[in-house]
Protein backbone atom coordinates (compact mmCIF):
# COMPACT_ATOMS: atom_id res chain seq x y z
CA UNK A 1 19.01 134.59 120.94
CA UNK A 2 17.66 136.04 117.69
CA UNK A 3 18.38 135.20 113.96
CA UNK A 4 18.91 138.12 111.93
CA UNK A 5 18.55 138.65 108.20
CA UNK A 6 21.90 139.12 106.54
CA UNK A 7 21.71 140.22 103.19
CA UNK A 8 25.20 139.57 102.04
CA UNK A 9 24.37 135.55 103.65
CA UNK A 10 21.31 135.49 101.56
CA UNK A 11 23.24 136.42 98.70
CA UNK A 12 25.68 134.25 98.86
CA UNK A 13 23.26 131.19 99.99
CA UNK A 14 21.48 131.93 96.60
CA UNK A 15 24.67 131.96 94.51
CA UNK A 16 25.46 128.42 95.81
CA UNK A 17 21.88 127.24 95.36
CA UNK A 18 22.01 128.48 91.61
CA UNK A 19 25.69 127.25 91.18
CA UNK A 20 24.50 123.93 92.28
CA UNK A 21 22.00 124.14 89.53
CA UNK A 22 23.97 124.48 87.02
CA UNK A 23 26.29 122.08 87.48
CA UNK A 24 24.17 119.86 87.61
CA UNK A 25 22.40 121.09 84.23
CA UNK A 26 25.28 119.91 81.59
CA UNK A 27 24.10 116.67 82.34
CA UNK A 28 20.64 116.94 81.09
CA UNK A 29 21.57 118.99 78.15
CA UNK A 30 24.08 116.02 76.88
CA UNK A 31 20.95 114.01 76.72
CA UNK A 32 21.25 115.39 73.30
CA UNK A 33 24.46 113.65 72.66
CA UNK A 34 23.15 110.52 74.03
CA UNK A 35 20.04 110.13 71.82
CA UNK A 36 21.78 111.22 68.57
CA UNK A 37 23.86 109.37 66.77
CA UNK A 38 25.86 111.03 64.05
CA UNK A 39 26.15 107.78 61.71
CA UNK A 40 22.80 107.05 61.43
CA UNK A 41 20.33 109.23 58.58
CA UNK A 42 16.46 108.89 58.65
CA UNK A 43 14.38 109.65 56.05
CA UNK A 44 15.97 109.63 53.51
CA UNK A 45 12.97 109.79 50.40
CA UNK A 46 14.54 108.97 46.95
CA UNK A 47 12.61 107.74 43.39
CA UNK A 48 13.87 106.67 40.46
CA UNK A 49 12.67 105.36 36.85
CA UNK A 50 14.23 103.20 34.56
CA UNK A 51 13.78 100.61 31.99
CA UNK A 52 12.22 98.17 34.71
CA UNK A 53 11.11 98.53 38.54
CA UNK A 54 14.72 96.34 39.23
CA UNK A 55 17.04 98.69 37.51
CA UNK A 56 14.59 102.08 39.24
CA UNK A 57 15.22 100.75 42.49
CA UNK A 58 18.70 99.81 42.33
CA UNK A 59 19.13 103.49 41.23
CA UNK A 60 16.96 104.83 44.06
CA UNK A 61 19.52 102.79 46.38
CA UNK A 62 22.71 104.38 44.87
CA UNK A 63 21.23 107.20 45.22
CA UNK A 64 20.22 107.13 49.07
CA UNK A 65 23.98 105.90 49.41
CA UNK A 66 25.39 108.73 48.50
CA UNK A 67 23.03 111.03 49.60
CA UNK A 68 23.32 109.56 53.35
CA UNK A 69 26.60 108.77 53.33
CA UNK A 70 27.93 112.40 52.32
CA UNK A 71 25.53 113.61 54.99
CA UNK A 72 27.48 111.12 57.64
CA UNK A 73 30.93 112.57 56.06
CA UNK A 74 29.78 116.26 56.63
CA UNK A 75 28.94 115.88 60.22
CA UNK A 76 31.89 114.25 61.72
CA UNK A 77 34.42 115.48 59.21
CA UNK A 78 36.47 118.56 61.54
CA UNK A 79 38.77 119.48 59.26
CA UNK A 80 39.53 119.30 55.67
CA UNK A 81 36.58 118.49 52.92
CA UNK A 82 35.65 115.06 52.60
CA UNK A 83 35.48 113.62 49.36
CA UNK A 84 32.61 113.16 47.25
CA UNK A 85 31.64 109.56 47.11
CA UNK A 86 30.67 107.00 44.82
CA UNK A 87 27.34 104.76 45.69
CA UNK A 88 29.80 101.36 46.13
CA UNK A 89 31.92 103.69 48.61
CA UNK A 90 28.98 104.54 50.90
CA UNK A 91 28.15 100.91 50.56
CA UNK A 92 31.49 99.81 51.88
CA UNK A 93 30.94 101.91 55.23
CA UNK A 94 27.73 100.81 55.71
CA UNK A 95 26.01 98.86 58.68
CA UNK A 96 22.72 98.39 57.85
CA UNK A 97 20.00 99.91 56.18
CA UNK A 98 15.74 99.53 56.30
CA UNK A 99 13.24 100.97 54.03
CA UNK A 100 9.70 101.59 54.25
CA UNK A 101 6.86 103.39 52.20
CA UNK A 102 7.73 101.37 49.35
CA UNK A 103 5.98 102.06 45.51
CA UNK A 104 6.92 99.81 43.33
CA UNK A 105 5.27 100.52 39.68
CA UNK A 106 6.68 99.35 36.00
CA UNK A 107 9.27 101.20 35.19
CA UNK A 108 9.45 102.60 38.49
CA UNK A 109 10.15 103.10 42.05
CA UNK A 110 10.03 105.26 45.87
CA UNK A 111 10.72 104.32 48.95
CA UNK A 112 11.92 106.09 52.15
CA UNK A 113 15.47 105.10 53.68
CA UNK A 114 16.90 104.28 57.22
CA UNK A 115 21.04 104.20 56.71
CA UNK A 116 23.43 103.03 59.49
CA UNK A 117 27.19 103.68 58.74
CA UNK A 118 29.48 102.33 60.61
CA UNK A 119 31.49 104.54 63.19
CA UNK A 120 34.78 102.51 62.44
CA UNK A 121 35.00 102.38 58.82
CA UNK A 122 33.82 106.03 58.23
CA UNK A 123 36.24 107.09 60.75
CA UNK A 124 39.03 105.03 59.13
CA UNK A 125 37.79 106.36 55.50
CA UNK A 126 38.67 110.67 57.07
CA UNK A 127 41.76 109.24 59.07
CA UNK A 128 42.99 107.54 55.41
CA UNK A 129 42.35 110.86 53.92
CA UNK A 130 43.75 113.26 56.55
CA UNK A 131 40.28 114.56 58.28
CA UNK A 132 40.07 114.64 61.69
CA UNK A 133 37.10 113.06 63.09
CA UNK A 134 34.57 114.99 65.48
CA UNK A 135 31.62 112.62 66.29
CA UNK A 136 30.00 113.49 69.61
CA UNK A 137 27.51 116.40 69.34
CA UNK A 138 27.89 119.29 71.64
CA UNK A 139 25.44 120.01 74.87
CA UNK A 140 22.98 122.84 74.09
CA UNK A 141 23.25 125.86 73.97
CA UNK A 142 20.71 128.51 74.13
CA UNK A 143 20.40 131.62 71.87
CA UNK A 144 19.17 134.76 72.77
CA UNK A 145 18.48 136.77 69.90
CA UNK A 146 18.23 140.74 69.60
CA UNK A 147 18.24 142.70 66.34
CA UNK A 148 19.00 146.29 66.79
CA UNK A 149 17.46 148.68 63.86
CA UNK A 150 17.59 152.32 63.83
CA UNK A 151 19.76 152.45 67.04
CA UNK A 152 16.71 150.53 68.84
CA UNK A 153 17.14 147.16 70.29
CA UNK A 154 14.34 144.70 69.84
CA UNK A 155 13.60 142.05 71.93
CA UNK A 156 11.73 138.70 72.63
CA UNK A 157 8.62 138.58 70.49
CA UNK A 158 9.93 142.08 68.93
CA UNK A 159 12.84 139.41 67.62
CA UNK A 160 10.49 137.24 66.21
CA UNK A 161 11.70 137.25 62.34
CA UNK A 162 15.35 137.19 63.86
CA UNK A 163 14.72 133.96 66.13
CA UNK A 164 12.34 132.43 63.22
CA UNK A 165 15.89 132.53 61.39
CA UNK A 166 17.99 130.48 63.95
CA UNK A 167 15.44 128.29 64.70
CA UNK A 168 15.52 127.04 60.98
CA UNK A 169 18.72 125.89 61.02
CA UNK A 170 19.23 122.49 61.14
CA UNK A 171 21.99 122.32 63.98
CA UNK A 172 21.69 118.68 64.25
CA UNK A 173 23.74 118.45 60.93
CA UNK A 174 26.15 120.62 63.00
CA UNK A 175 26.60 118.71 66.03
CA UNK A 176 25.83 121.93 68.10
CA UNK A 177 22.20 121.43 69.15
CA UNK A 178 20.32 124.96 70.12
CA UNK A 179 17.22 126.38 71.96
CA UNK A 180 15.58 129.30 71.82
CA UNK A 181 13.24 131.22 74.60
CA UNK A 182 9.58 131.12 74.67
CA UNK A 183 9.48 134.39 75.65
CA UNK A 184 8.03 134.22 79.36
CA UNK A 185 7.18 136.56 81.75
CA UNK A 186 10.56 135.63 83.34
CA UNK A 187 12.40 136.00 80.01
CA UNK A 188 10.95 139.41 79.98
CA UNK A 189 11.74 140.22 83.84
CA UNK A 190 15.46 139.62 83.03
CA UNK A 191 17.67 143.02 83.26
CA UNK A 192 18.47 143.36 79.65
CA UNK A 193 21.97 145.13 80.59
CA UNK A 194 23.24 142.08 82.84
CA UNK A 195 22.48 140.22 79.79
CA UNK A 196 24.34 142.01 77.84
CA UNK A 197 27.07 142.43 80.19
CA UNK A 198 27.35 138.19 80.12
CA UNK A 199 26.66 138.59 83.79
CA UNK A 200 26.85 134.92 85.07
CA UNK A 201 24.03 134.56 87.26
CA UNK A 202 21.63 136.24 84.91
CA UNK A 203 22.36 134.36 81.97
CA UNK A 204 22.53 131.31 84.75
CA UNK A 205 18.78 131.60 85.56
CA UNK A 206 18.08 131.12 81.49
CA UNK A 207 20.44 128.26 81.40
CA UNK A 208 18.67 126.75 84.42
CA UNK A 209 15.01 127.69 82.89
CA UNK A 210 15.73 126.01 79.31
CA UNK A 211 17.99 123.09 81.19
CA UNK A 212 21.01 124.19 78.39
CA UNK A 213 24.56 123.56 79.05
CA UNK A 214 24.94 127.84 78.46
CA UNK A 215 23.68 130.43 76.77
CA UNK A 216 24.94 133.19 73.62
CA UNK A 217 23.52 136.29 73.01
CA UNK A 218 22.89 136.51 69.28
CA UNK A 219 22.79 140.51 68.31
CA UNK A 220 22.65 141.26 65.07
CA UNK A 221 22.86 145.04 64.46
CA UNK A 222 21.18 146.21 60.93
CA UNK A 223 22.61 148.56 58.76
CA UNK A 224 19.91 151.52 58.19
CA UNK A 225 21.36 152.31 54.40
CA UNK A 226 21.63 148.78 53.06
CA UNK A 227 21.41 145.22 53.09
CA UNK A 228 25.02 144.67 55.36
CA UNK A 229 24.71 143.20 59.52
CA UNK A 230 27.16 143.25 62.13
CA UNK A 231 26.57 139.81 63.54
CA UNK A 232 27.69 139.44 67.69
CA UNK A 233 27.52 136.56 69.90
CA UNK A 234 28.67 136.94 73.36
CA UNK A 235 28.50 134.87 76.84
CA UNK A 236 29.51 130.72 76.90
CA UNK A 237 29.11 127.88 74.19
CA UNK A 238 29.73 124.58 74.44
CA UNK A 239 33.34 125.40 73.37
CA UNK A 240 33.72 128.33 76.55
CA UNK A 241 33.31 131.98 76.66
CA UNK A 242 32.45 133.77 73.25
CA UNK A 243 32.84 137.06 72.19
CA UNK A 244 32.70 137.21 68.55
CA UNK A 245 32.46 140.06 65.72
CA UNK A 246 31.13 138.93 62.16
CA UNK A 247 30.30 140.90 59.05
CA UNK A 248 27.21 139.83 57.11
CA UNK A 249 27.21 141.69 53.60
CA UNK A 250 23.90 139.85 52.17
CA UNK A 251 21.99 136.95 52.14
CA UNK A 252 19.91 138.37 54.63
CA UNK A 253 18.71 136.86 58.50
CA UNK A 254 19.16 133.77 56.38
CA UNK A 255 22.84 133.92 55.57
CA UNK A 256 23.21 135.85 59.55
CA UNK A 257 21.70 132.40 60.98
CA UNK A 258 23.74 130.36 59.17
CA UNK A 259 27.16 132.42 60.08
CA UNK A 260 26.15 131.63 63.60
CA UNK A 261 25.58 127.97 62.85
CA UNK A 262 28.93 128.00 61.25
CA UNK A 263 30.69 129.60 64.47
CA UNK A 264 29.24 127.72 67.04
CA UNK A 265 30.34 124.38 64.64
CA UNK A 266 33.72 125.48 63.88
CA UNK A 267 34.00 126.13 67.55
CA UNK A 268 33.23 123.03 69.02
CA UNK A 269 34.68 120.93 66.31
CA UNK A 270 38.16 122.73 67.25
CA UNK A 271 37.67 122.17 70.94
CA UNK A 272 36.62 118.69 70.94
CA UNK A 273 39.47 117.65 68.57
CA UNK A 274 41.58 118.24 71.82
CA UNK A 275 39.37 116.55 74.18
CA UNK A 276 40.09 112.80 73.83
CA UNK A 277 37.37 110.34 72.48
CA UNK A 278 35.18 113.15 72.06
CA UNK A 279 37.67 114.18 69.04
CA UNK A 280 38.51 111.04 68.06
CA UNK A 281 42.09 110.59 69.02
CA UNK A 282 42.86 107.55 66.64
CA UNK A 283 46.38 106.92 68.14
CA UNK A 284 48.81 104.50 66.23
CA UNK A 285 48.01 103.19 62.55
CA UNK A 286 49.48 99.45 61.66
CA UNK A 287 48.63 97.56 57.78
CA UNK A 288 47.44 94.75 57.91
CA UNK A 289 46.78 91.92 55.62
CA UNK A 290 43.51 90.21 56.34
CA UNK A 291 43.73 86.86 55.38
CA UNK A 292 39.69 85.81 53.53
CA UNK A 293 40.46 81.96 54.02
CA UNK A 294 36.69 81.39 53.82
CA UNK A 295 35.72 84.38 50.92
CA UNK A 296 33.64 87.11 51.36
CA UNK A 297 32.17 86.17 54.43
CA UNK A 298 35.61 86.14 56.35
CA UNK A 299 35.25 90.24 55.59
CA UNK A 300 32.27 90.66 57.53
CA UNK A 301 32.87 88.44 60.32
CA UNK A 302 36.57 90.53 60.82
CA UNK A 303 34.53 93.96 60.25
CA UNK A 304 32.26 92.82 63.14
CA UNK A 305 34.30 91.25 65.41
CA UNK A 306 36.96 94.67 64.93
CA UNK A 307 34.68 96.92 65.80
CA UNK A 308 32.98 95.01 68.62
CA UNK A 309 36.51 94.78 70.25
CA UNK A 310 36.67 98.22 71.13
CA UNK A 311 40.35 98.36 70.49
CA UNK A 312 39.90 99.53 66.64
CA UNK A 313 38.98 103.21 66.35
CA UNK A 314 38.97 102.97 62.45
CA UNK A 315 39.69 101.19 59.77
CA UNK A 316 40.67 101.44 56.30
CA UNK A 317 40.49 99.66 53.40
CA UNK A 318 43.38 99.77 50.85
CA UNK A 319 42.47 96.88 48.55
CA UNK A 320 40.27 93.55 49.02
CA UNK A 321 40.48 90.49 46.79
CA UNK A 322 38.74 86.95 46.96
CA UNK A 323 41.25 85.10 49.48
CA UNK A 324 42.86 88.67 50.90
CA UNK A 325 42.33 92.56 52.01
CA UNK A 326 45.04 95.05 52.43
CA UNK A 327 43.74 97.12 55.46
CA UNK A 328 44.61 99.97 57.80
CA UNK A 329 43.57 100.06 61.60
CA UNK A 330 43.97 102.28 64.36
CA UNK A 331 43.83 101.50 67.91
CA UNK A 332 45.01 103.55 71.00
CA UNK A 333 47.28 102.08 74.18
CA UNK A 334 50.43 99.77 73.21
CA UNK A 335 50.75 98.07 70.19
CA UNK A 336 51.97 95.29 72.09
CA UNK A 337 48.45 94.53 73.88
CA UNK A 338 46.57 94.42 70.59
CA UNK A 339 46.71 91.05 69.45
CA UNK A 340 45.17 90.02 73.38
CA UNK A 341 42.83 92.28 72.96
CA UNK A 342 41.64 91.43 69.83
CA UNK A 343 41.86 87.48 70.71
CA UNK A 344 38.95 88.03 72.85
CA UNK A 345 36.99 88.90 70.10
CA UNK A 346 38.31 85.86 68.09
CA UNK A 347 40.58 87.80 65.92
CA UNK A 348 44.69 86.51 65.57
CA UNK A 349 46.75 88.80 64.83
CA UNK A 350 50.29 87.90 64.55
CA UNK A 351 52.92 89.33 62.36
CA UNK A 352 54.92 87.19 59.77
CA UNK A 353 58.18 87.75 57.39
CA UNK A 354 57.76 91.92 58.79
CA UNK A 355 54.15 92.02 57.88
CA UNK A 356 50.74 91.90 60.20
CA UNK A 357 48.24 89.30 59.12
CA UNK A 358 44.65 89.00 60.77
CA UNK A 359 42.26 86.03 61.05
CA UNK A 360 39.32 85.07 62.82
CA UNK A 361 39.38 81.47 64.09
């Protein structure tokens, strides 16, 4: 018996193969999320001049603390605006820091810092102020730029100015990494009408080619009689199917690109807030008096053990003295199980006189 080539069967086979490839892509795209830590801020260049080198170094470190602390708070805040913080507050949220490229003068100091913040303390700081947290980056999205001018669509190399504005966005800060096409022969051979329609197979080929989770057509209609532009996003991003239109009244391509970044970031954080640990479901809160019988060193031990336990999602410090600290901890699971979970890390959580007490042993 001969074998008959059936076009329908061939099409279904291709669809199955492509679907399999698409299913595998997110694991590659999410690699960015595995590498990127939103609680780390690198390459903070600071300098200061003061009465002497010691004072200049202290002033420069204060600047690095505020800059990096606000960076982290803005990255992970999903609702509301983080408050401005002092160097002292930033230091309380810090896990560690290191500096490099130091230059010390008689009255001046400059260096580059790397700051690492405590997820538990940052989450607690924001939660205490009613600000939700999303601290996992979205899977990577491919942006396909199109410019429409005087009724004519410009794609690929002809849309280089729009692609350049999108590429200049600091999407890492927004936790929504993106890629742009390389304008290859394969890209240019794609059916434009199918891309504009959001055809699954056509966009899927781009996803596979660029190893991204999804793809979005980013179309910019330039008005012929003024500065205003009409922006439209269609396809699928990390939050799901997208069909958004917005006006950009001024600011040119850079303003339009920022609008794209904000739309993608807001959509991701809105969805992520309802997605379990990605959206940081902080769970229940518990006011606790931490006993610091050994002084400040006990506080450092308590913090590190609470973080290592995996039982505490967030911690906020209400006040701290020489022998105790009033804190609030957030945890998931049953409150009755919390003492046992903390005991595994050498922490004793117990109730006495209606107050929860915590100490290291």
